[in-house]
Each structure stands twice: as C-alpha cells, then as structure tokens.
Amino acid sequence: MKPYRIAIAGLGTVGAGVIENLQSNAELIEARTGRAIEIVAICDRDQDSNRGVDLACYDWADDAGWLADIDGLDAIVELIGGSEGIAYDLAKAALGKGVSIVTANKALLAHHGFELAALAEKNGARVGYEAAVAGGIPIIKALREGLAGNEVGSIYGILNGTCNYILTAMRETGADFADILKEAQEKGYAEADPSFDVDGVDTAHKLCLLTSLAFGVQPDFKAIETKGIREITGADIKAAQEFGYRIKLLGVAKRQGGAIFQSVEPCLVPADSSLGGVEDSYNAVFAEGDFVEKVLMTGRGAGRKPTASAVVGDIIDLAKGLDTPMFGVTTDKLTKPVWADAGQIKSRYYIRAGGDAQITEEIGKAELEALTDKLDSPYIMRVEDL
C-alpha cells in the first residue's frame, strides 16, 4: 500500500515530538497501520533551532498556507496554535481541498469546531484532535468509540496540568498562589503569561469539546462560565484538607433534566475520591455512562511525548481509513444545546469570609446569596461529592 503522506506545520515541543515518534517507531507504526507514514514537508518560522531530531531529509515550506497545495497530500498536522490567523486559515484551506487535519489546537476547535467539522464532511476529509484534550489520555477515542453505546450523564475533568501542579504544591508547602506560580514559571510548568491556564480558559476550551462529544451538541465555548484559581489562598487549601477535601480546577458537564450544566471553576472534591488523588501536573477525566457506569482515565495532560503520542495515534487512525465524524455524529445530527441555569442547581458550597470557613448543606443560588449577603468579601467554591 502506498505511504500515507503528511505535512507538519509548527515544530515546537510537540511538533518535534511527533517527528521523533514517527522516526523512532517507524517499523512498529507501519506494521500496525499497514502502510508507511511519509513526512513530505515541514514548516516553522525558525529553521535554525536544534529540536533534537533530524530534519535534514525533509522539505521546508516558507509559508504554511502552501502546504494545502501539495499534490497527493493526505493530511496536515497543525501544531501552530491559536484560534484565528494562520492555524484557522490553514485548516479551512486543507479541509476545503479534502486534506485531513490532525491538531492539538483546542482553541481553534472550541471556536470553529462545528464549521470545520462540516467542511470536512463536505469534502471527504477528517479531523483528528485527540491531542487537543488531556494530552496523552485517549479520552476523545474513548467517548467517540469505546463509549459510543452509552448515554453519558456527566463528565468531570482535571484538564490543566499547570493548575493542578500549583494546587498540589500549595497543599504540600502551605504557600500562597503567587509564590507557587513564580516557582512553576521558573521550573517551566507555567508560561511567562499564565492567564490562559490559571484563569481557566484552557480548561474551558477542552471542556467545550468534551461537552459536544459527550452529549451530541454543537460546541458553544461562550456558554461556559469560567473561574480560575488566582483567588485561592493557602488558608483555603488547609481548610479544605481539614474538611476532608482537596481543591481541583474542574471542567464539569452534566445533564440536568433536558438541559446541560457546564462550568469551569475550582471545586472541593473528597480527598479519597478518584479525582482527589490526581496530583502534580497529571490530568484526569471521569465519565459516567448508563451502561458502563463510571470510567476514569488519568495521565500526563501535556508535554512533548504524551501529546506527540496522541497526534501520532490520530495519524495512524487516518492512515488506516477510520472514518468517524469529528463529534461522534455528523454535524446535521448535532443539536443546539439547552444550557441549564446555574441558579437552579443545588449544591453544597465552601464559603470563606475573613479567617473563617464553612461548608454549607445543599442549597440553591437564592439561599446562597442570602447566606453570604452580609459577609465581607466572601469567597465561594462548589463542593463536588464524586
């Protein structure tokens, strides 16, 4: 069988990892795929950096847009990043010509996933995006294939390794957020501008895709209420521990009658629960299906090798001819979501005011507001008793 021909746009940490994987495991991949994977072109703004892999045998493209015009190309691996600009233009150009896309770009898909899925269907192309959610954890394949016979009731995710590392370090050291963030930046766990991570935006991008896939609805990133971890103090971590909980930044989507509730926010989870034990920079996704009941998947959510593994897995699926719709069903069957009003959700809450903290009984929004109305600058977190 003829080789499966790909081009790679973006040769940062993940792009270099993809090439390393394809080079190191070429014989294994060909045996499992039934055909060789051939890299016919690569593209990056910087051609001089030492990426730890041999790039001398590949043709360089000066313009990523040119990749979509390569004759006989089967797929483009888009690792540029960003929801607009080059990445968006390249994805549209490729899919419009029937060239499949493999991407780790959660922002692109959270904002334009429905459009790109429809374009792929129209032109006989496919979109692989396992690497866009939870790095090396194959949660997209699990939801789209392994759990396809289940009606999913809820999905909970620790989806950002930077935040989980910070919260773990705060618990272990007793230090406050700002001090641990600085340390995380020095160690390379956090970006110089950590806003996307610590403000919950990265988690929201990933939750948007999981919600669409799990519940068969059109992705709607703007509908996700998002709250990050900047306001969490060492005292909150300690109080949660005394109550028997740990604080995790969770992406949550669950059915509430005929509607779907979704949010990204720090929550208290039982310390001895499946998610409570996920520490450091690890990610985890917990899902409930009507037949499979409870499923937990955990692993590295980022990094060169885990993310590259997910990208290569998608390339192999495409090379084998796997033809699964991007969101599990074709776009004409994706329904417009009905979002549950967060004010109608009853829950237990952690409330901190001054130096005191308490956990309430299960109450609704009106009762919560009445309880906190007279408190001075209360900080509130939901309790998720998984």
Protein backbone atom coordinates (compact mmCIF):
# COMPACT_ATOMS: atom_id res chain seq x y z
CA MET A 1 0.00 0.00 0.00
CA LYS A 2 1.28 3.47 -0.82
CA PRO A 3 2.60 5.64 2.04
CA TYR A 4 0.28 7.99 3.91
CA ARG A 5 1.65 11.44 3.09
CA ILE A 6 1.59 14.20 5.71
CA ALA A 7 2.95 17.70 6.24
CA ILE A 8 3.66 19.23 9.64
CA ALA A 9 3.06 22.91 10.41
CA GLY A 10 4.68 24.01 13.67
CA LEU A 11 7.87 22.45 15.04
CA GLY A 12 7.79 23.44 18.68
CA THR A 13 7.90 20.96 21.54
CA VAL A 14 5.01 18.85 20.25
CA GLY A 15 5.94 19.04 16.56
CA ALA A 16 9.45 17.83 17.28
CA GLY A 17 7.98 15.08 19.44
CA VAL A 18 5.75 13.93 16.56
CA ILE A 19 8.75 13.63 14.26
CA GLU A 20 10.72 11.80 16.96
CA ASN A 21 7.86 9.33 17.41
CA LEU A 22 7.45 8.73 13.68
CA GLN A 23 11.20 8.24 13.24
CA SER A 24 11.82 6.07 16.30
CA ASN A 25 8.82 3.80 15.86
CA ALA A 26 8.58 3.78 12.06
CA GLU A 27 8.60 -0.03 11.69
CA LEU A 28 6.11 -0.53 14.53
CA ILE A 29 3.77 2.12 13.12
CA GLU A 30 3.95 0.70 9.60
CA ALA A 31 3.18 -2.79 10.91
CA ARG A 32 0.14 -1.52 12.83
CA THR A 33 -1.04 0.79 10.07
CA GLY A 34 -0.40 -1.40 7.06
CA ARG A 35 1.45 1.43 5.34
CA ALA A 36 4.34 3.81 5.97
CA ILE A 37 3.82 7.36 7.22
CA GLU A 38 5.77 9.74 4.97
CA ILE A 39 6.55 13.32 6.00
CA VAL A 40 6.69 15.23 2.73
CA ALA A 41 7.08 18.78 4.09
CA ILE A 42 7.56 20.71 7.33
CA CYS A 43 7.04 24.35 8.20
CA ASP A 44 8.10 26.63 11.04
CA ARG A 45 9.18 30.24 11.35
CA ASP A 46 12.52 29.17 12.80
CA GLN A 47 14.58 26.80 10.67
CA ASP A 48 17.77 27.05 12.74
CA SER A 49 16.80 25.73 16.18
CA ASN A 50 18.12 22.38 17.39
CA ARG A 51 14.99 20.36 18.11
CA GLY A 52 16.75 17.11 18.95
CA VAL A 53 15.56 15.33 15.78
CA ASP A 54 16.98 15.00 12.28
CA LEU A 55 15.14 17.38 9.93
CA ALA A 56 17.66 17.34 7.08
CA CYS A 57 15.68 14.87 4.98
CA TYR A 58 12.50 16.96 4.83
CA ASP A 59 11.44 19.77 2.51
CA TRP A 60 10.85 23.07 4.28
CA ALA A 61 7.91 25.29 3.38
CA ASP A 62 8.36 29.01 3.93
CA ASP A 63 4.61 29.58 4.15
CA ALA A 64 2.25 27.23 6.00
CA GLY A 65 -0.51 28.14 3.56
CA TRP A 66 1.46 26.45 0.79
CA LEU A 67 1.14 23.06 2.48
CA ALA A 68 -2.50 22.67 1.46
CA ASP A 69 -1.46 22.87 -2.20
CA ILE A 70 0.93 19.90 -2.13
CA ASP A 71 -0.18 17.33 -4.70
CA GLY A 72 -1.23 13.99 -3.27
CA LEU A 73 -1.10 15.13 0.36
CA ASP A 74 -3.30 13.10 2.71
CA ALA A 75 -3.17 15.16 5.93
CA ILE A 76 -1.68 18.23 7.57
CA VAL A 77 -0.61 18.15 11.21
CA GLU A 78 -1.41 21.65 12.52
CA LEU A 79 0.61 22.50 15.64
CA ILE A 80 0.80 26.27 15.22
CA GLY A 81 -1.83 27.15 17.83
CA GLY A 82 -4.32 29.98 18.18
CA SER A 83 -7.99 30.22 17.34
CA GLU A 84 -7.55 32.60 14.42
CA GLY A 85 -4.94 33.58 11.85
CA ILE A 86 -2.61 31.04 10.22
CA ALA A 87 -3.97 27.97 12.01
CA TYR A 88 -7.58 28.75 11.12
CA ASP A 89 -6.77 29.67 7.53
CA LEU A 90 -4.67 26.53 7.04
CA ALA A 91 -7.35 24.25 8.48
CA LYS A 92 -10.02 25.74 6.22
CA ALA A 93 -7.81 25.58 3.13
CA ALA A 94 -6.83 21.97 3.76
CA LEU A 95 -10.30 20.67 4.58
CA GLY A 96 -11.73 22.60 1.64
CA LYS A 97 -9.45 20.54 -0.64
CA GLY A 98 -10.24 17.23 1.02
CA VAL A 99 -6.99 17.10 3.02
CA SER A 100 -7.50 15.87 6.57
CA ILE A 101 -6.26 17.74 9.64
CA VAL A 102 -4.67 16.45 12.84
CA THR A 103 -4.34 19.11 15.52
CA ALA A 104 -3.62 19.76 19.19
CA ASN A 105 -5.26 23.17 18.89
CA LYS A 106 -8.15 23.21 21.38
CA ALA A 107 -8.75 26.96 20.97
CA LEU A 108 -9.24 26.59 17.22
CA LEU A 109 -11.75 23.77 17.65
CA ALA A 110 -13.60 25.34 20.58
CA HIS A 111 -14.28 28.43 18.47
CA HIS A 112 -14.59 26.89 14.98
CA GLY A 113 -15.09 23.16 15.51
CA PHE A 114 -18.61 22.98 14.10
CA GLU A 115 -17.62 24.89 10.96
CA LEU A 116 -14.52 22.76 10.41
CA ALA A 117 -16.40 19.51 11.04
CA ALA A 118 -18.99 20.48 8.43
CA LEU A 119 -16.27 21.44 5.95
CA ALA A 120 -14.52 18.11 6.49
CA GLU A 121 -17.74 16.18 5.90
CA LYS A 122 -18.49 18.11 2.74
CA ASN A 123 -15.10 17.34 1.20
CA GLY A 124 -14.46 13.81 2.42
CA ALA A 125 -11.78 14.81 4.93
CA ARG A 126 -11.47 14.14 8.64
CA VAL A 127 -10.33 15.99 11.75
CA GLY A 128 -8.21 14.25 14.41
CA TYR A 129 -7.91 16.12 17.71
CA GLU A 130 -7.05 13.62 20.43
CA ALA A 131 -4.07 15.78 21.44
CA ALA A 132 -6.29 18.83 21.96
CA VAL A 133 -7.80 17.44 25.19
CA ALA A 134 -5.76 15.98 28.07
CA GLY A 135 -2.58 15.28 26.11
CA GLY A 136 -1.72 11.58 26.17
CA ILE A 137 -5.07 10.47 27.66
CA PRO A 138 -7.16 8.95 24.81
CA ILE A 139 -10.43 10.44 26.03
CA ILE A 140 -11.66 11.52 22.57
CA LYS A 141 -11.35 7.98 21.25
CA ALA A 142 -12.95 6.63 24.43
CA LEU A 143 -16.01 8.88 24.11
CA ARG A 144 -16.30 8.66 20.34
CA GLU A 145 -15.74 4.92 20.01
CA GLY A 146 -15.39 2.90 23.21
CA LEU A 147 -18.37 4.53 24.96
CA ALA A 148 -20.43 5.08 21.80
CA GLY A 149 -23.14 2.74 23.08
CA ASN A 150 -23.67 4.77 26.25
CA GLU A 151 -25.75 7.79 27.08
CA VAL A 152 -23.32 9.94 29.03
CA GLY A 153 -24.76 11.50 32.15
CA SER A 154 -21.79 13.52 33.33
CA ILE A 155 -18.16 14.22 32.69
CA TYR A 156 -15.64 15.79 35.07
CA GLY A 157 -12.13 16.75 34.10
CA ILE A 158 -8.88 17.94 35.65
CA LEU A 159 -7.74 19.28 32.31
CA ASN A 160 -4.89 21.69 33.03
CA GLY A 161 -1.59 20.38 34.37
CA THR A 162 -0.30 23.82 35.33
CA CYS A 163 -3.24 24.48 37.65
CA ASN A 164 -3.10 21.01 39.15
CA TYR A 165 0.62 21.40 39.79
CA ILE A 166 0.07 24.76 41.51
CA LEU A 167 -2.77 23.47 43.70
CA THR A 168 -0.76 20.38 44.65
CA ALA A 169 2.31 22.48 45.55
CA MET A 170 0.17 24.90 47.59
CA ARG A 171 -1.17 21.97 49.60
CA GLU A 172 2.23 20.38 50.10
CA THR A 173 4.08 23.59 51.07
CA GLY A 174 1.38 25.80 52.60
CA ALA A 175 2.48 28.64 50.30
CA ASP A 176 0.09 31.02 48.56
CA PHE A 177 -0.76 31.13 44.86
CA ALA A 178 1.65 33.90 43.81
CA ASP A 179 4.69 32.18 45.32
CA ILE A 180 3.93 28.80 43.75
CA LEU A 181 3.13 30.39 40.39
CA LYS A 182 6.55 32.05 40.34
CA GLU A 183 8.19 28.73 41.17
CA ALA A 184 6.17 26.98 38.45
CA GLN A 185 7.32 29.55 35.91
CA GLU A 186 10.95 29.07 36.92
CA LYS A 187 10.59 25.29 36.50
CA GLY A 188 8.85 25.62 33.14
CA TYR A 189 5.48 24.32 34.35
CA ALA A 190 3.81 27.69 33.72
CA GLU A 191 4.12 30.18 30.87
CA ALA A 192 5.52 33.69 31.32
CA ASP A 193 1.92 34.83 30.79
CA PRO A 194 -0.07 32.11 32.60
CA SER A 195 -3.50 33.68 32.06
CA PHE A 196 -4.96 31.01 29.76
CA ASP A 197 -4.05 28.34 32.30
CA VAL A 198 -4.74 29.88 35.70
CA ASP A 199 -7.85 31.80 34.61
CA GLY A 200 -9.47 28.60 33.34
CA VAL A 201 -9.60 29.46 29.63
CA ASP A 202 -7.52 26.44 28.56
CA THR A 203 -9.76 24.13 30.59
CA ALA A 204 -12.86 25.76 29.08
CA HIS A 205 -11.59 25.16 25.53
CA LYS A 206 -11.17 21.46 26.34
CA LEU A 207 -14.49 21.17 28.17
CA CYS A 208 -16.26 22.70 25.18
CA LEU A 209 -15.06 19.81 23.00
CA LEU A 210 -15.86 17.15 25.61
CA THR A 211 -19.38 18.52 26.10
CA SER A 212 -20.09 18.45 22.39
CA LEU A 213 -18.75 14.92 22.01
CA ALA A 214 -20.35 13.50 25.16
CA PHE A 215 -23.83 14.98 24.64
CA GLY A 216 -24.09 15.32 20.85
CA VAL A 217 -24.50 19.10 20.86
CA GLN A 218 -22.94 21.90 18.85
CA PRO A 219 -19.86 23.33 20.57
CA ASP A 220 -20.58 26.65 22.30
CA PHE A 221 -17.49 27.98 24.05
CA LYS A 222 -19.12 31.27 25.03
CA ALA A 223 -21.72 29.43 27.14
CA ILE A 224 -19.14 28.14 29.63
CA GLU A 225 -18.96 30.04 32.91
CA THR A 226 -15.27 30.19 33.78
CA LYS A 227 -13.46 30.95 37.02
CA GLY A 228 -9.76 30.40 37.64
CA ILE A 229 -7.58 29.72 40.67
CA ARG A 230 -5.94 33.11 41.35
CA GLU A 231 -8.08 33.84 44.43
CA ILE A 232 -7.37 30.55 46.20
CA THR A 233 -5.20 31.02 49.28
CA GLY A 234 -3.05 28.69 51.33
CA ALA A 235 -5.70 29.01 54.03
CA ASP A 236 -8.34 27.67 51.62
CA ILE A 237 -6.18 24.67 50.82
CA LYS A 238 -5.64 23.98 54.53
CA ALA A 239 -9.32 24.41 55.40
CA ALA A 240 -10.38 22.08 52.58
CA GLN A 241 -7.94 19.48 53.87
CA GLU A 242 -9.36 19.75 57.37
CA PHE A 243 -12.83 19.14 55.95
CA GLY A 244 -11.52 16.05 54.11
CA TYR A 245 -11.34 17.64 50.66
CA ARG A 246 -8.83 18.82 48.07
CA ILE A 247 -9.28 21.75 45.70
CA LYS A 248 -9.16 20.99 41.99
CA LEU A 249 -9.87 23.15 38.95
CA LEU A 250 -12.66 21.15 37.33
CA GLY A 251 -14.32 21.26 33.97
CA VAL A 252 -17.81 19.86 34.58
CA ALA A 253 -20.62 18.97 32.18
CA LYS A 254 -23.69 17.03 33.27
CA ARG A 255 -27.31 16.52 32.33
CA GLN A 256 -29.94 18.36 34.34
CA GLY A 257 -33.26 17.11 33.04
CA GLY A 258 -33.42 18.11 29.40
CA ALA A 259 -30.61 20.65 29.75
CA ILE A 260 -26.84 20.55 30.23
CA PHE A 261 -24.98 22.23 33.05
CA GLN A 262 -21.35 23.08 32.42
CA SER A 263 -18.77 25.14 34.24
CA VAL A 264 -15.06 25.60 34.80
CA GLU A 265 -14.20 26.52 38.38
CA PRO A 266 -12.18 25.41 41.40
CA CYS A 267 -14.18 22.88 43.41
CA LEU A 268 -13.74 20.85 46.55
CA VAL A 269 -13.60 17.11 45.86
CA PRO A 270 -13.21 14.38 48.51
CA ALA A 271 -9.52 13.74 49.19
CA ASP A 272 -10.08 9.98 48.91
CA SER A 273 -12.05 10.18 45.63
CA SER A 274 -10.73 9.20 42.21
CA LEU A 275 -10.13 12.83 41.23
CA GLY A 276 -8.93 13.88 44.68
CA GLY A 277 -5.90 11.64 44.28
CA VAL A 278 -4.82 13.11 40.92
CA GLU A 279 -1.85 15.30 41.78
CA ASP A 280 1.05 17.27 40.34
CA SER A 281 0.74 18.00 36.60
CA TYR A 282 -1.40 14.94 35.87
CA ASN A 283 -4.78 15.24 34.14
CA ALA A 284 -7.83 13.05 34.62
CA VAL A 285 -11.26 12.63 33.07
CA PHE A 286 -14.12 10.94 34.91
CA ALA A 287 -17.23 9.98 32.94
CA GLU A 288 -20.49 8.25 33.77
CA GLY A 289 -22.43 6.25 31.18
CA ASP A 290 -25.75 4.47 31.55
CA PHE A 291 -24.27 1.05 30.72
CA VAL A 292 -20.58 1.36 31.55
CA GLU A 293 -21.29 3.29 34.78
CA LYS A 294 -18.08 5.03 35.92
CA VAL A 295 -14.86 5.37 33.94
CA LEU A 296 -11.68 7.19 35.00
CA MET A 297 -8.75 7.93 32.72
CA THR A 298 -5.62 9.64 34.01
CA GLY A 299 -2.17 10.50 32.68
CA ARG A 300 0.08 13.31 31.55
CA GLY A 301 -2.01 16.08 30.06
CA ALA A 302 0.82 17.89 28.30
CA GLY A 303 4.46 17.57 27.35
CA ARG A 304 6.40 16.59 24.27
CA LYS A 305 5.99 12.82 24.32
CA PRO A 306 2.43 12.36 25.69
CA THR A 307 0.97 14.96 23.30
CA ALA A 308 3.01 13.66 20.37
CA SER A 309 1.70 10.17 21.15
CA ALA A 310 -1.87 11.45 20.79
CA VAL A 311 -1.08 13.20 17.50
CA VAL A 312 0.56 10.09 16.04
CA GLY A 313 -2.39 7.98 17.18
CA ASP A 314 -4.68 10.19 15.11
CA ILE A 315 -2.35 9.98 12.09
CA ILE A 316 -2.43 6.18 12.34
CA ASP A 317 -6.25 6.16 12.51
CA LEU A 318 -6.45 8.34 9.41
CA ALA A 319 -3.90 6.20 7.56
CA LYS A 320 -5.97 3.11 8.39
CA GLY A 321 -9.04 4.78 6.90
CA LEU A 322 -11.01 5.20 10.12
CA ASP A 323 -13.95 7.41 9.17
CA THR A 324 -15.53 8.65 12.40
CA PRO A 325 -17.33 12.04 12.49
CA MET A 326 -15.46 14.66 14.47
CA PHE A 327 -18.04 14.85 17.27
CA GLY A 328 -19.24 11.25 17.05
CA VAL A 329 -22.19 12.08 14.80
CA THR A 330 -22.43 14.11 11.61
CA THR A 331 -22.97 17.84 12.02
CA ASP A 332 -26.60 17.65 10.87
CA LYS A 333 -27.29 15.48 13.93
CA LEU A 334 -25.57 17.77 16.44
CA THR A 335 -28.37 19.54 18.32
CA LYS A 336 -28.34 23.10 19.57
CA PRO A 337 -27.69 22.82 23.30
CA VAL A 338 -30.10 23.89 26.00
CA TRP A 339 -27.97 25.10 28.89
CA ALA A 340 -29.12 24.67 32.47
CA ASP A 341 -29.42 27.82 34.55
CA ALA A 342 -26.66 27.66 37.15
CA GLY A 343 -29.01 29.41 39.56
CA GLN A 344 -31.28 26.38 39.56
CA ILE A 345 -28.52 23.98 40.55
CA LYS A 346 -28.49 22.96 44.18
CA SER A 347 -25.12 22.13 45.70
CA ARG A 348 -23.03 22.28 48.81
CA TYR A 349 -20.62 25.21 48.98
CA TYR A 350 -17.39 26.12 50.69
CA ILE A 351 -17.55 29.70 51.99
CA ARG A 352 -14.59 31.67 53.30
CA ALA A 353 -15.06 35.06 54.94
CA GLY A 354 -12.38 36.74 56.98
CA GLY A 355 -10.46 33.98 58.72
CA ASP A 356 -13.40 31.58 58.96
CA ALA A 357 -14.50 28.85 56.54
CA GLN A 358 -17.51 26.55 56.43
CA ILE A 359 -19.22 24.07 54.14
CA THR A 360 -22.97 24.51 53.74
CA GLU A 361 -25.70 21.94 53.36
CA GLU A 362 -27.11 21.56 49.86
CA ILE A 363 -28.65 24.90 48.89
CA GLY A 364 -29.67 26.84 45.78
CA LYS A 365 -28.43 30.18 44.49
CA ALA A 366 -31.03 32.28 46.32
CA GLU A 367 -30.23 30.62 49.64
CA LEU A 368 -26.50 31.01 48.96
CA GLU A 369 -26.91 34.72 48.26
CA ALA A 370 -28.96 35.18 51.42
CA LEU A 371 -26.30 33.35 53.43
CA THR A 372 -23.41 35.41 52.06
CA ASP A 373 -25.17 38.76 51.65
CA LYS A 374 -23.93 40.17 54.95
CA LEU A 375 -20.45 38.65 54.81
CA ASP A 376 -17.43 40.80 53.99
CA SER A 377 -15.94 39.71 50.61
CA PRO A 378 -16.83 36.02 50.81
CA TYR A 379 -15.02 33.54 48.58
CA ILE A 380 -17.20 30.64 47.41
CA MET A 381 -16.40 27.27 45.87
CA ARG A 382 -18.77 24.48 44.94
CA VAL A 383 -18.38 21.07 46.57
CA GLU A 384 -18.48 18.09 44.20
CA ASP A 385 -19.04 14.90 46.21
CA LEU A 386 -17.99 12.47 43.50
